[in-house]
């Protein structure tokens, strides 16, 4: 258990370094009020938040925390290494890949006293962290840094303008309680009548009620019976529709195994639809095997760059 109360300051890996001062301003705002700061140990906004905590000195580090998706691998002289040396708490994960990232983000959101996320473009991982905080009843706010970022579309509340120190943001305000002053008025999505034995029914109902119509596609199975949605279980993936395996198999004319490999590699590279379209053309010209080999090489190079202390953030 984390010893100090903290606010998670997270965001997209691609938030430009020009936004580092705004991230630092938010961090200082919370530190000045006696809060610790949590981050997810990634590049971009998470890194800027960690660097701001380190710059604030040992007292700030001692009440702050970094959650990692996997084992601790802090290179000497890195911000994470300095943070730990100054008394900062580092919570390692136990997995690898996309599932480990989701687990890390969920753990961070639930352990925090609130979440502030800097969004740039789709920011799927950051939106997931914000949603997990809202599901857990924690305060949540987002900063639209750019790159076409939009306010996440959740049901059960609305975004209202606010400021965190000098930084303009939007905070989540849940819907008012029902007419009797109790829980909000139930909707059809609260009424799940058929689930397998042992499934956490109440957690599922609460989760589904917070999702927009599009986000309900995250569920692997869902049957509409009258005004009742029957959802057996949730898929642990936020894979976008353009990386769905059936679609990749059709576009790349490949086997299911090859499509699964393509999906994992595109996710690791945070590839856009335009990038996928480029490699679709390459697959028709060179073959799927050559495309897979090229993507593996890119992922390895990206991993090596991220492990080198002081390397450019891109």
C-alpha atoms as a PDB file:
ATOM      1  CA  UNK A   1       0.000   0.000   0.000  1.00  0.00           C
ATOM      2  CA  UNK A   2       1.273   3.471  -0.848  1.00  0.00           C
ATOM      3  CA  UNK A   3       2.000   5.378   2.360  1.00  0.00           C
ATOM      4  CA  UNK A   4       1.155   8.891   1.140  1.00  0.00           C
ATOM      5  CA  UNK A   5      -1.872  10.347  -0.585  1.00  0.00           C
ATOM      6  CA  UNK A   6      -1.071  11.286  -4.135  1.00  0.00           C
ATOM      7  CA  UNK A   7      -2.626  12.625  -7.316  1.00  0.00           C
ATOM      8  CA  UNK A   8      -1.717  10.817 -10.528  1.00  0.00           C
ATOM      9  CA  UNK A   9      -0.373  13.157 -13.229  1.00  0.00           C
ATOM     10  CA  UNK A  10      -0.199  11.167 -16.450  1.00  0.00           C
ATOM     11  CA  UNK A  11      -0.650  11.600 -20.177  1.00  0.00           C
ATOM     12  CA  UNK A  12       0.171  10.552 -23.691  1.00  0.00           C
ATOM     13  CA  UNK A  13       3.655   9.365 -24.557  1.00  0.00           C
ATOM     14  CA  UNK A  14       3.674  11.750 -27.527  1.00  0.00           C
ATOM     15  CA  UNK A  15       2.950  14.959 -25.592  1.00  0.00           C
ATOM     16  CA  UNK A  16       5.651  17.328 -26.942  1.00  0.00           C
ATOM     17  CA  UNK A  17       8.451  18.505 -24.674  1.00  0.00           C
ATOM     18  CA  UNK A  18       7.107  22.046 -25.121  1.00  0.00           C
ATOM     19  CA  UNK A  19       4.358  20.961 -22.721  1.00  0.00           C
ATOM     20  CA  UNK A  20       6.796  19.947 -19.980  1.00  0.00           C
ATOM     21  CA  UNK A  21       6.452  23.348 -18.185  1.00  0.00           C
ATOM     22  CA  UNK A  22       2.654  22.983 -18.008  1.00  0.00           C
ATOM     23  CA  UNK A  23       2.969  19.448 -16.631  1.00  0.00           C
ATOM     24  CA  UNK A  24       5.507  20.725 -14.100  1.00  0.00           C
ATOM     25  CA  UNK A  25       3.140  23.546 -13.099  1.00  0.00           C
ATOM     26  CA  UNK A  26       0.394  21.030 -12.315  1.00  0.00           C
ATOM     27  CA  UNK A  27       2.857  18.915 -10.322  1.00  0.00           C
ATOM     28  CA  UNK A  28       4.012  21.946  -8.316  1.00  0.00           C
ATOM     29  CA  UNK A  29       0.390  22.916  -7.659  1.00  0.00           C
ATOM     30  CA  UNK A  30      -0.262  19.598  -5.928  1.00  0.00           C
ATOM     31  CA  UNK A  31       3.095  19.451  -4.141  1.00  0.00           C
ATOM     32  CA  UNK A  32       2.504  22.936  -2.719  1.00  0.00           C
ATOM     33  CA  UNK A  33      -0.745  21.664  -1.186  1.00  0.00           C
ATOM     34  CA  UNK A  34       0.921  18.722   0.509  1.00  0.00           C
ATOM     35  CA  UNK A  35       0.012  16.048  -2.014  1.00  0.00           C
ATOM     36  CA  UNK A  36       2.345  13.494  -3.496  1.00  0.00           C
ATOM     37  CA  UNK A  37       2.381  12.897  -7.243  1.00  0.00           C
ATOM     38  CA  UNK A  38       2.014   9.564  -9.022  1.00  0.00           C
ATOM     39  CA  UNK A  39       2.934   8.680 -12.591  1.00  0.00           C
ATOM     40  CA  UNK A  40       3.085   5.659 -14.858  1.00  0.00           C
ATOM     41  CA  UNK A  41       6.776   5.688 -15.702  1.00  0.00           C
ATOM     42  CA  UNK A  42       6.258   6.179 -19.448  1.00  0.00           C
ATOM     43  CA  UNK A  43       7.749   8.709 -21.843  1.00  0.00           C
ATOM     44  CA  UNK A  44       6.033  12.010 -22.599  1.00  0.00           C
ATOM     45  CA  UNK A  45       3.758  13.497 -19.943  1.00  0.00           C
ATOM     46  CA  UNK A  46       4.600  10.843 -17.330  1.00  0.00           C
ATOM     47  CA  UNK A  47       8.295  11.578 -17.746  1.00  0.00           C
ATOM     48  CA  UNK A  48       7.757  15.340 -17.436  1.00  0.00           C
ATOM     49  CA  UNK A  49       5.779  14.788 -14.222  1.00  0.00           C
ATOM     50  CA  UNK A  50       8.515  12.568 -12.790  1.00  0.00           C
ATOM     51  CA  UNK A  51      11.216  15.090 -13.684  1.00  0.00           C
ATOM     52  CA  UNK A  52       9.217  17.848 -11.976  1.00  0.00           C
ATOM     53  CA  UNK A  53       8.966  15.772  -8.794  1.00  0.00           C
ATOM     54  CA  UNK A  54      12.710  15.063  -8.860  1.00  0.00           C
ATOM     55  CA  UNK A  55      13.418  18.764  -9.389  1.00  0.00           C
ATOM     56  CA  UNK A  56      11.353  19.539  -6.274  1.00  0.00           C
ATOM     57  CA  UNK A  57      13.770  17.507  -4.153  1.00  0.00           C
ATOM     58  CA  UNK A  58      13.782  14.660  -1.660  1.00  0.00           C
ATOM     59  CA  UNK A  59      10.656  15.666   0.323  1.00  0.00           C
ATOM     60  CA  UNK A  60       8.545  15.634  -2.864  1.00  0.00           C
ATOM     61  CA  UNK A  61      10.030  12.303  -3.954  1.00  0.00           C
ATOM     62  CA  UNK A  62       9.422  10.743  -0.539  1.00  0.00           C
ATOM     63  CA  UNK A  63       5.664  11.298  -0.797  1.00  0.00           C
ATOM     64  CA  UNK A  64       5.349  10.405  -4.485  1.00  0.00           C
ATOM     65  CA  UNK A  65       5.161   7.130  -6.396  1.00  0.00           C
ATOM     66  CA  UNK A  66       5.762   5.639  -9.847  1.00  0.00           C
ATOM     67  CA  UNK A  67       3.795   2.598 -11.027  1.00  0.00           C
ATOM     68  CA  UNK A  68       5.509   0.492 -13.703  1.00  0.00           C
ATOM     69  CA  UNK A  69       3.979  -2.127 -16.021  1.00  0.00           C
ATOM     70  CA  UNK A  70       6.920  -4.488 -15.475  1.00  0.00           C
ATOM     71  CA  UNK A  71      10.098  -4.914 -13.418  1.00  0.00           C
ATOM     72  CA  UNK A  72      12.118  -1.916 -12.272  1.00  0.00           C
ATOM     73  CA  UNK A  73      14.874  -1.109 -14.770  1.00  0.00           C
ATOM     74  CA  UNK A  74      16.139   2.320 -13.764  1.00  0.00           C
ATOM     75  CA  UNK A  75      19.394   3.198 -15.501  1.00  0.00           C
ATOM     76  CA  UNK A  76      21.976   5.084 -13.407  1.00  0.00           C
ATOM     77  CA  UNK A  77      21.465   8.812 -13.795  1.00  0.00           C
ATOM     78  CA  UNK A  78      17.930   8.452 -15.158  1.00  0.00           C
ATOM     79  CA  UNK A  79      15.049  10.408 -13.664  1.00  0.00           C
ATOM     80  CA  UNK A  80      13.579   7.179 -12.276  1.00  0.00           C
ATOM     81  CA  UNK A  81      16.898   6.193 -10.706  1.00  0.00           C
ATOM     82  CA  UNK A  82      17.296   9.624  -9.120  1.00  0.00           C
ATOM     83  CA  UNK A  83      13.688   9.523  -7.913  1.00  0.00           C
ATOM     84  CA  UNK A  84      14.265   6.191  -6.156  1.00  0.00           C
ATOM     85  CA  UNK A  85      17.576   7.374  -4.687  1.00  0.00           C
ATOM     86  CA  UNK A  86      15.794  10.398  -3.183  1.00  0.00           C
ATOM     87  CA  UNK A  87      13.272   8.187  -1.416  1.00  0.00           C
ATOM     88  CA  UNK A  88      10.594   7.886  -4.089  1.00  0.00           C
ATOM     89  CA  UNK A  89       8.484   4.745  -4.117  1.00  0.00           C
ATOM     90  CA  UNK A  90       8.538   2.582  -7.262  1.00  0.00           C
ATOM     91  CA  UNK A  91       5.834  -0.076  -7.649  1.00  0.00           C
ATOM     92  CA  UNK A  92       6.836  -2.695 -10.246  1.00  0.00           C
ATOM     93  CA  UNK A  93       4.378  -4.665 -12.322  1.00  0.00           C
ATOM     94  CA  UNK A  94       4.423  -8.380 -12.949  1.00  0.00           C
ATOM     95  CA  UNK A  95       3.512  -8.695 -16.610  1.00  0.00           C
ATOM     96  CA  UNK A  96       4.480  -7.663 -20.106  1.00  0.00           C
ATOM     97  CA  UNK A  97       2.834  -6.232 -23.182  1.00  0.00           C
ATOM     98  CA  UNK A  98      -0.448  -4.418 -23.566  1.00  0.00           C
ATOM     99  CA  UNK A  99      -2.210  -6.242 -20.726  1.00  0.00           C
ATOM    100  CA  UNK A 100       0.524  -5.156 -18.310  1.00  0.00           C
ATOM    101  CA  UNK A 101       0.092  -1.527 -19.378  1.00  0.00           C
ATOM    102  CA  UNK A 102      -3.650  -1.713 -18.713  1.00  0.00           C
ATOM    103  CA  UNK A 103      -3.061  -3.361 -15.333  1.00  0.00           C
ATOM    104  CA  UNK A 104      -0.520  -0.680 -14.408  1.00  0.00           C
ATOM    105  CA  UNK A 105      -2.889   2.123 -15.378  1.00  0.00           C
ATOM    106  CA  UNK A 106      -5.790   0.610 -13.459  1.00  0.00           C
ATOM    107  CA  UNK A 107      -3.670   0.092 -10.341  1.00  0.00           C
ATOM    108  CA  UNK A 108      -2.397   3.675 -10.504  1.00  0.00           C
ATOM    109  CA  UNK A 109      -5.904   5.119 -10.928  1.00  0.00           C
ATOM    110  CA  UNK A 110      -7.401   3.117  -8.074  1.00  0.00           C
ATOM    111  CA  UNK A 111      -4.522   3.813  -5.669  1.00  0.00           C
ATOM    112  CA  UNK A 112      -4.565   7.554  -6.357  1.00  0.00           C
ATOM    113  CA  UNK A 113      -6.730  10.238  -4.785  1.00  0.00           C
ATOM    114  CA  UNK A 114      -7.452  11.609  -8.264  1.00  0.00           C
ATOM    115  CA  UNK A 115      -6.108  11.713 -11.821  1.00  0.00           C
ATOM    116  CA  UNK A 116      -5.013  14.534 -14.126  1.00  0.00           C
ATOM    117  CA  UNK A 117      -4.276  13.438 -17.702  1.00  0.00           C
ATOM    118  CA  UNK A 118      -2.610  15.438 -20.471  1.00  0.00           C
ATOM    119  CA  UNK A 119      -4.184  14.286 -23.741  1.00  0.00           C
ATOM    120  CA  UNK A 120      -2.578  14.473 -27.162  1.00  0.00           C
ATOM    121  CA  UNK A 121      -4.405  12.856 -30.040  1.00  0.00           C
ATOM    122  CA  UNK A 122      -6.399   9.698 -29.186  1.00  0.00           C
ATOM    123  CA  UNK A 123      -4.435   9.038 -25.938  1.00  0.00           C
ATOM    124  CA  UNK A 124      -6.153   5.672 -25.474  1.00  0.00           C
ATOM    125  CA  UNK A 125      -4.039   4.650 -22.485  1.00  0.00           C
ATOM    126  CA  UNK A 126      -4.578   7.957 -20.696  1.00  0.00           C
ATOM    127  CA  UNK A 127      -8.322   7.857 -21.368  1.00  0.00           C
ATOM    128  CA  UNK A 128      -8.378   4.348 -19.899  1.00  0.00           C
ATOM    129  CA  UNK A 129      -6.664   5.652 -16.728  1.00  0.00           C
ATOM    130  CA  UNK A 130      -9.179   8.495 -16.426  1.00  0.00           C
ATOM    131  CA  UNK A 131     -12.092   6.096 -16.889  1.00  0.00           C
ATOM    132  CA  UNK A 132     -10.704   3.772 -14.199  1.00  0.00           C
ATOM    133  CA  UNK A 133     -10.455   6.708 -11.786  1.00  0.00           C
ATOM    134  CA  UNK A 134     -14.058   7.731 -12.488  1.00  0.00           C
ATOM    135  CA  UNK A 135     -15.214   4.142 -12.045  1.00  0.00           C
ATOM    136  CA  UNK A 136     -13.493   4.106  -8.650  1.00  0.00           C
ATOM    137  CA  UNK A 137     -15.232   7.341  -7.627  1.00  0.00           C
ATOM    138  CA  UNK A 138     -12.039   9.416  -7.762  1.00  0.00           C
ATOM    139  CA  UNK A 139     -11.840  13.028  -9.030  1.00  0.00           C
ATOM    140  CA  UNK A 140     -10.579  13.242 -12.611  1.00  0.00           C
ATOM    141  CA  UNK A 141      -9.480  16.060 -14.900  1.00  0.00           C
ATOM    142  CA  UNK A 142      -7.992  16.286 -18.377  1.00  0.00           C
ATOM    143  CA  UNK A 143      -5.860  18.853 -20.166  1.00  0.00           C
ATOM    144  CA  UNK A 144      -6.293  19.020 -23.953  1.00  0.00           C
ATOM    145  CA  UNK A 145      -2.665  19.497 -24.946  1.00  0.00           C
ATOM    146  CA  UNK A 146      -3.241  19.217 -28.700  1.00  0.00           C
ATOM    147  CA  UNK A 147      -2.803  16.795 -31.549  1.00  0.00           C
ATOM    148  CA  UNK A 148      -6.553  16.769 -32.124  1.00  0.00           C
ATOM    149  CA  UNK A 149      -7.291  15.633 -28.568  1.00  0.00           C
ATOM    150  CA  UNK A 150     -10.951  15.722 -27.551  1.00  0.00           C
ATOM    151  CA  UNK A 151     -12.753  15.349 -24.253  1.00  0.00           C
ATOM    152  CA  UNK A 152     -13.384  11.648 -23.578  1.00  0.00           C
ATOM    153  CA  UNK A 153     -16.994  10.644 -24.156  1.00  0.00           C
ATOM    154  CA  UNK A 154     -18.263   9.049 -20.960  1.00  0.00           C
ATOM    155  CA  UNK A 155     -21.832   8.661 -19.783  1.00  0.00           C
ATOM    156  CA  UNK A 156     -22.972   9.408 -16.254  1.00  0.00           C
ATOM    157  CA  UNK A 157     -21.687  12.975 -16.051  1.00  0.00           C
ATOM    158  CA  UNK A 158     -20.119  15.862 -17.946  1.00  0.00           C
ATOM    159  CA  UNK A 159     -16.883  17.817 -18.301  1.00  0.00           C
ATOM    160  CA  UNK A 160     -16.751  21.373 -16.961  1.00  0.00           C
ATOM    161  CA  UNK A 161     -13.926  23.913 -17.442  1.00  0.00           C
ATOM    162  CA  UNK A 162     -11.533  24.435 -14.552  1.00  0.00           C
ATOM    163  CA  UNK A 163      -7.907  25.327 -13.906  1.00  0.00           C
ATOM    164  CA  UNK A 164      -5.142  23.509 -12.056  1.00  0.00           C
ATOM    165  CA  UNK A 165      -2.757  26.225 -11.025  1.00  0.00           C
ATOM    166  CA  UNK A 166      -2.102  28.195 -14.221  1.00  0.00           C
ATOM    167  CA  UNK A 167      -3.147  25.352 -16.540  1.00  0.00           C
ATOM    168  CA  UNK A 168      -6.611  25.268 -18.137  1.00  0.00           C
ATOM    169  CA  UNK A 169      -8.337  21.912 -17.790  1.00  0.00           C
ATOM    170  CA  UNK A 170     -11.696  20.144 -17.626  1.00  0.00           C
ATOM    171  CA  UNK A 171     -12.910  18.230 -14.577  1.00  0.00           C
ATOM    172  CA  UNK A 172     -15.462  15.427 -14.515  1.00  0.00           C
ATOM    173  CA  UNK A 173     -18.733  16.096 -12.710  1.00  0.00           C
ATOM    174  CA  UNK A 174     -20.918  13.050 -12.115  1.00  0.00           C
ATOM    175  CA  UNK A 175     -24.654  13.227 -12.693  1.00  0.00           C
ATOM    176  CA  UNK A 176     -26.794  14.294  -9.756  1.00  0.00           C
ATOM    177  CA  UNK A 177     -28.412  11.653  -7.581  1.00  0.00           C
ATOM    178  CA  UNK A 178     -31.914  10.385  -8.297  1.00  0.00           C
ATOM    179  CA  UNK A 179     -35.112  12.136  -7.113  1.00  0.00           C
ATOM    180  CA  UNK A 180     -35.038  10.389  -3.723  1.00  0.00           C
ATOM    181  CA  UNK A 181     -31.521  11.621  -3.018  1.00  0.00           C
ATOM    182  CA  UNK A 182     -30.063   8.149  -3.384  1.00  0.00           C
ATOM    183  CA  UNK A 183     -28.328   6.548  -6.307  1.00  0.00           C
ATOM    184  CA  UNK A 184     -28.743   8.017  -9.824  1.00  0.00           C
ATOM    185  CA  UNK A 185     -31.838   6.797 -11.625  1.00  0.00           C
ATOM    186  CA  UNK A 186     -31.017   3.361 -13.115  1.00  0.00           C
ATOM    187  CA  UNK A 187     -31.056   2.929 -16.868  1.00  0.00           C
ATOM    188  CA  UNK A 188     -31.487  -0.196 -18.931  1.00  0.00           C
ATOM    189  CA  UNK A 189     -27.739  -0.714 -18.778  1.00  0.00           C
ATOM    190  CA  UNK A 190     -27.960  -1.260 -15.021  1.00  0.00           C
ATOM    191  CA  UNK A 191     -30.202  -4.276 -15.550  1.00  0.00           C
ATOM    192  CA  UNK A 192     -28.052  -7.289 -16.341  1.00  0.00           C
ATOM    193  CA  UNK A 193     -30.068 -10.411 -15.763  1.00  0.00           C
ATOM    194  CA  UNK A 194     -27.891 -13.120 -17.294  1.00  0.00           C
ATOM    195  CA  UNK A 195     -24.239 -13.540 -16.342  1.00  0.00           C
ATOM    196  CA  UNK A 196     -22.182 -16.671 -15.629  1.00  0.00           C
ATOM    197  CA  UNK A 197     -21.994 -17.840 -12.025  1.00  0.00           C
ATOM    198  CA  UNK A 198     -19.308 -16.037 -10.073  1.00  0.00           C
ATOM    199  CA  UNK A 199     -19.127 -12.957 -12.276  1.00  0.00           C
ATOM    200  CA  UNK A 200     -18.856  -9.611 -10.374  1.00  0.00           C
ATOM    201  CA  UNK A 201     -22.315  -8.393 -11.333  1.00  0.00           C
ATOM    202  CA  UNK A 202     -22.291  -5.093  -9.441  1.00  0.00           C
ATOM    203  CA  UNK A 203     -18.871  -4.120 -10.786  1.00  0.00           C
ATOM    204  CA  UNK A 204     -19.978  -4.920 -14.327  1.00  0.00           C
ATOM    205  CA  UNK A 205     -23.154  -2.882 -13.983  1.00  0.00           C
ATOM    206  CA  UNK A 206     -21.258   0.114 -12.655  1.00  0.00           C
ATOM    207  CA  UNK A 207     -18.655  -0.142 -15.386  1.00  0.00           C
ATOM    208  CA  UNK A 208     -21.108  -0.458 -18.269  1.00  0.00           C
ATOM    209  CA  UNK A 209     -23.180   2.477 -17.057  1.00  0.00           C
ATOM    210  CA  UNK A 210     -20.137   4.762 -17.393  1.00  0.00           C
ATOM    211  CA  UNK A 211     -19.427   3.859 -21.007  1.00  0.00           C
ATOM    212  CA  UNK A 212     -20.577   5.638 -24.130  1.00  0.00           C
ATOM    213  CA  UNK A 213     -22.272   3.679 -26.885  1.00  0.00           C
ATOM    214  CA  UNK A 214     -19.037   3.358 -28.841  1.00  0.00           C
ATOM    215  CA  UNK A 215     -17.013   2.301 -25.829  1.00  0.00           C
ATOM    216  CA  UNK A 216     -19.421  -0.553 -25.141  1.00  0.00           C
ATOM    217  CA  UNK A 217     -17.788  -2.219 -28.139  1.00  0.00           C
ATOM    218  CA  UNK A 218     -14.939  -3.019 -25.727  1.00  0.00           C
ATOM    219  CA  UNK A 219     -17.043  -5.929 -24.550  1.00  0.00           C
ATOM    220  CA  UNK A 220     -16.371  -9.180 -26.369  1.00  0.00           C
ATOM    221  CA  UNK A 221     -19.981 -10.336 -26.099  1.00  0.00           C
ATOM    222  CA  UNK A 222     -23.162  -8.381 -25.691  1.00  0.00           C
ATOM    223  CA  UNK A 223     -26.733  -9.361 -26.510  1.00  0.00           C
ATOM    224  CA  UNK A 224     -29.611  -6.883 -26.580  1.00  0.00           C
ATOM    225  CA  UNK A 225     -32.780  -8.500 -25.180  1.00  0.00           C
ATOM    226  CA  UNK A 226     -35.545  -5.896 -25.159  1.00  0.00           C
ATOM    227  CA  UNK A 227     -34.126  -2.986 -23.194  1.00  0.00           C
ATOM    228  CA  UNK A 228     -31.583  -5.159 -21.359  1.00  0.00           C
ATOM    229  CA  UNK A 229     -27.953  -5.606 -22.380  1.00  0.00           C
ATOM    230  CA  UNK A 230     -26.538  -9.016 -21.447  1.00  0.00           C
ATOM    231  CA  UNK A 231     -22.755  -8.874 -21.080  1.00  0.00           C
ATOM    232  CA  UNK A 232     -20.970 -12.011 -19.839  1.00  0.00           C
ATOM    233  CA  UNK A 233     -17.510 -10.513 -19.428  1.00  0.00           C
ATOM    234  CA  UNK A 234     -15.244  -7.656 -20.440  1.00  0.00           C
ATOM    235  CA  UNK A 235     -12.381  -7.839 -22.894  1.00  0.00           C
ATOM    236  CA  UNK A 236      -9.093  -6.646 -21.396  1.00  0.00           C
ATOM    237  CA  UNK A 237      -8.192  -4.677 -24.507  1.00  0.00           C
ATOM    238  CA  UNK A 238      -8.679  -1.229 -25.935  1.00  0.00           C
ATOM    239  CA  UNK A 239      -7.661  -2.274 -29.453  1.00  0.00           C
ATOM    240  CA  UNK A 240      -9.129   0.197 -31.966  1.00  0.00           C
ATOM    241  CA  UNK A 241     -11.513  -1.107 -34.598  1.00  0.00           C
ATOM    242  CA  UNK A 242      -9.037  -0.685 -37.469  1.00  0.00           C
ATOM    243  CA  UNK A 243      -6.727  -3.216 -35.745  1.00  0.00           C
ATOM    244  CA  UNK A 244      -9.414  -5.857 -35.206  1.00  0.00           C
ATOM    245  CA  UNK A 245      -8.099  -9.248 -36.339  1.00  0.00           C
ATOM    246  CA  UNK A 246     -10.834  -9.999 -38.927  1.00  0.00           C
ATOM    247  CA  UNK A 247     -10.233  -6.618 -40.540  1.00  0.00           C
ATOM    248  CA  UNK A 248      -6.455  -7.093 -40.598  1.00  0.00           C
ATOM    249  CA  UNK A 249      -6.861 -10.559 -42.135  1.00  0.00           C
ATOM    250  CA  UNK A 250      -8.984  -9.125 -44.934  1.00  0.00           C
ATOM    251  CA  UNK A 251      -6.753  -6.123 -45.579  1.00  0.00           C
ATOM    252  CA  UNK A 252      -3.426  -7.976 -45.448  1.00  0.00           C
ATOM    253  CA  UNK A 253      -4.781 -11.264 -46.867  1.00  0.00           C
ATOM    254  CA  UNK A 254      -2.971 -13.153 -44.141  1.00  0.00           C
ATOM    255  CA  UNK A 255      -3.495 -15.915 -41.584  1.00  0.00           C
ATOM    256  CA  UNK A 256      -5.006 -15.351 -38.135  1.00  0.00           C
ATOM    257  CA  UNK A 257      -1.578 -15.786 -36.553  1.00  0.00           C
ATOM    258  CA  UNK A 258      -0.036 -13.189 -38.853  1.00  0.00           C
ATOM    259  CA  UNK A 259      -2.931 -10.792 -38.168  1.00  0.00           C
ATOM    260  CA  UNK A 260      -2.405 -11.186 -34.412  1.00  0.00           C
ATOM    261  CA  UNK A 261       1.272 -10.385 -34.859  1.00  0.00           C
ATOM    262  CA  UNK A 262       0.463  -7.319 -36.931  1.00  0.00           C
ATOM    263  CA  UNK A 263      -2.014  -6.083 -34.318  1.00  0.00           C
ATOM    264  CA  UNK A 264       0.504  -6.402 -31.466  1.00  0.00           C
ATOM    265  CA  UNK A 265       3.220  -4.623 -33.439  1.00  0.00           C
ATOM    266  CA  UNK A 266       0.927  -1.800 -34.565  1.00  0.00           C
ATOM    267  CA  UNK A 267      -0.227  -1.334 -30.953  1.00  0.00           C
ATOM    268  CA  UNK A 268       3.374  -1.227 -29.744  1.00  0.00           C
ATOM    269  CA  UNK A 269       4.085   1.508 -32.293  1.00  0.00           C
ATOM    270  CA  UNK A 270       0.795   3.339 -31.536  1.00  0.00           C
ATOM    271  CA  UNK A 271       0.220   3.238 -35.290  1.00  0.00           C
ATOM    272  CA  UNK A 272      -2.420   5.448 -36.885  1.00  0.00           C
ATOM    273  CA  UNK A 273      -4.809   4.285 -39.639  1.00  0.00           C
ATOM    274  CA  UNK A 274      -2.527   5.988 -42.182  1.00  0.00           C
ATOM    275  CA  UNK A 275       0.448   3.919 -41.013  1.00  0.00           C
ATOM    276  CA  UNK A 276      -1.597   0.722 -41.260  1.00  0.00           C
ATOM    277  CA  UNK A 277      -2.653   1.688 -44.792  1.00  0.00           C
ATOM    278  CA  UNK A 278       1.006   2.228 -45.744  1.00  0.00           C
ATOM    279  CA  UNK A 279       1.972  -1.242 -44.560  1.00  0.00           C
ATOM    280  CA  UNK A 280      -1.068  -2.744 -46.276  1.00  0.00           C
ATOM    281  CA  UNK A 281       0.345  -1.483 -49.557  1.00  0.00           C
ATOM    282  CA  UNK A 282       3.798  -2.782 -48.600  1.00  0.00           C
ATOM    283  CA  UNK A 283       2.338  -6.210 -47.832  1.00  0.00           C
ATOM    284  CA  UNK A 284       0.824  -6.421 -51.290  1.00  0.00           C
ATOM    285  CA  UNK A 285       4.163  -5.425 -52.815  1.00  0.00           C
ATOM    286  CA  UNK A 286       6.591  -7.385 -50.626  1.00  0.00           C
ATOM    287  CA  UNK A 287       4.476  -9.887 -48.713  1.00  0.00           C
ATOM    288  CA  UNK A 288       3.231 -10.032 -45.126  1.00  0.00           C
ATOM    289  CA  UNK A 289       6.420 -11.699 -43.899  1.00  0.00           C
ATOM    290  CA  UNK A 290       8.555  -8.750 -44.975  1.00  0.00           C
ATOM    291  CA  UNK A 291       6.173  -6.304 -43.291  1.00  0.00           C
ATOM    292  CA  UNK A 292       6.261  -8.263 -40.025  1.00  0.00           C
ATOM    293  CA  UNK A 293      10.053  -8.308 -40.108  1.00  0.00           C
ATOM    294  CA  UNK A 294      10.189  -4.549 -40.698  1.00  0.00           C
ATOM    295  CA  UNK A 295       7.730  -3.829 -37.870  1.00  0.00           C
ATOM    296  CA  UNK A 296       9.647  -6.041 -35.428  1.00  0.00           C
ATOM    297  CA  UNK A 297      12.808  -4.123 -36.291  1.00  0.00           C
ATOM    298  CA  UNK A 298      11.062  -0.791 -35.625  1.00  0.00           C
ATOM    299  CA  UNK A 299       9.690  -1.956 -32.263  1.00  0.00           C
ATOM    300  CA  UNK A 300      13.132  -3.187 -31.186  1.00  0.00           C
ATOM    301  CA  UNK A 301      14.738   0.101 -32.202  1.00  0.00           C
ATOM    302  CA  UNK A 302      12.074   2.037 -30.285  1.00  0.00           C
ATOM    303  CA  UNK A 303      12.679  -0.070 -27.175  1.00  0.00           C
ATOM    304  CA  UNK A 304      16.430   0.512 -27.388  1.00  0.00           C
ATOM    305  CA  UNK A 305      15.952   4.272 -27.713  1.00  0.00           C
ATOM    306  CA  UNK A 306      13.661   4.360 -24.668  1.00  0.00           C
ATOM    307  CA  UNK A 307      16.228   2.484 -22.572  1.00  0.00           C
ATOM    308  CA  UNK A 308      19.106   4.868 -23.307  1.00  0.00           C
ATOM    309  CA  UNK A 309      19.347   7.531 -20.544  1.00  0.00           C
ATOM    310  CA  UNK A 310      19.088  11.054 -21.847  1.00  0.00           C
ATOM    311  CA  UNK A 311      18.028   9.983 -25.324  1.00  0.00           C
ATOM    312  CA  UNK A 312      15.769  12.359 -27.313  1.00  0.00           C
ATOM    313  CA  UNK A 313      12.080  11.882 -26.685  1.00  0.00           C
ATOM    314  CA  UNK A 314      11.096  12.240 -30.311  1.00  0.00           C
END
